[in-house]
Amino acid sequence: MTHYGALHLYGHSHGSLPGCGRSLDVGVDCWDWRPATVPEILERMAEDARREGGPAAAAALAEAA
């Protein structure tokens, strides 16, 4: 089953798995040893999308969030 627009948040990989698309490591060891907020997560996902797919990919992520 596909969950369109869903975010895939994971931890316990200690930063060894890179985030991509709507997927991101939210373990505290990747966030200065503190929990990440939803706005911070969405911003980092947008930054990753800009870096990987350009402004159009970042805009699509922002629109879906």
Protein backbone atom coordinates (compact mmCIF):
# COMPACT_ATOMS: atom_id res chain seq x y z
CA MET A 1 0.00 0.00 0.00
CA THR A 2 1.34 3.43 -0.92
CA HIS A 3 0.89 6.38 1.42
CA TYR A 4 1.09 9.47 -0.75
CA GLY A 5 2.44 12.50 1.06
CA ALA A 6 3.57 10.50 4.09
CA LEU A 7 6.85 11.32 5.80
CA HIS A 8 9.24 8.49 6.63
CA LEU A 9 11.02 9.43 9.86
CA TYR A 10 13.52 7.02 11.36
CA GLY A 11 16.26 6.94 13.95
CA HIS A 12 18.79 4.61 15.54
CA SER A 13 20.88 4.57 12.37
CA HIS A 14 23.30 7.11 13.92
CA GLY A 15 23.38 9.27 10.79
CA SER A 16 24.58 6.42 8.58
CA LEU A 17 21.54 6.53 6.28
CA PRO A 18 21.18 9.71 4.23
CA GLY A 19 17.81 11.38 4.01
CA CYS A 20 16.15 11.50 0.64
CA GLY A 21 12.84 12.78 -0.61
CA ARG A 22 10.37 12.57 2.25
CA SER A 23 12.61 10.31 4.34
CA LEU A 24 14.90 11.56 7.14
CA ASP A 25 16.88 10.34 10.16
CA VAL A 26 15.44 12.13 13.19
CA GLY A 27 17.60 10.42 15.81
CA VAL A 28 18.96 12.83 18.41
CA ASP A 29 22.54 12.14 17.34
CA CYS A 30 21.76 13.93 14.06
CA TRP A 31 20.16 16.94 15.79
CA ASP A 32 22.70 18.15 18.36
CA TRP A 33 21.48 15.57 20.89
CA ARG A 34 17.95 16.93 21.15
CA PRO A 35 14.58 16.06 19.65
CA ALA A 36 13.84 17.70 16.30
CA THR A 37 10.67 19.71 15.80
CA VAL A 38 8.35 19.16 12.83
CA PRO A 39 9.25 22.56 11.30
CA GLU A 40 12.97 21.69 11.58
CA ILE A 41 12.37 18.32 9.95
CA LEU A 42 10.43 19.87 7.07
CA GLU A 43 13.13 22.53 6.57
CA ARG A 44 15.89 19.94 6.43
CA MET A 45 13.85 17.87 3.97
CA ALA A 46 13.38 20.99 1.81
CA GLU A 47 17.15 21.68 1.96
CA ASP A 48 17.86 18.09 0.89
CA ALA A 49 15.33 18.39 -1.94
CA ARG A 50 16.91 21.65 -3.17
CA ARG A 51 20.34 20.06 -3.11
CA GLU A 52 19.22 16.86 -4.85
CA GLY A 53 16.49 17.98 -7.21
CA GLY A 54 16.62 21.74 -7.45
CA PRO A 55 13.98 24.36 -6.61
CA ALA A 56 11.10 22.45 -8.21
CA ALA A 57 11.65 19.44 -5.93
CA ALA A 58 11.82 21.71 -2.86
CA ALA A 59 8.62 23.48 -3.90
CA ALA A 60 6.83 20.15 -4.37
CA LEU A 61 7.90 19.04 -0.90
CA ALA A 62 6.76 22.33 0.66
CA GLU A 63 3.41 22.14 -1.11
CA ALA A 64 2.79 18.58 0.04
CA ALA A 65 3.62 19.38 3.69
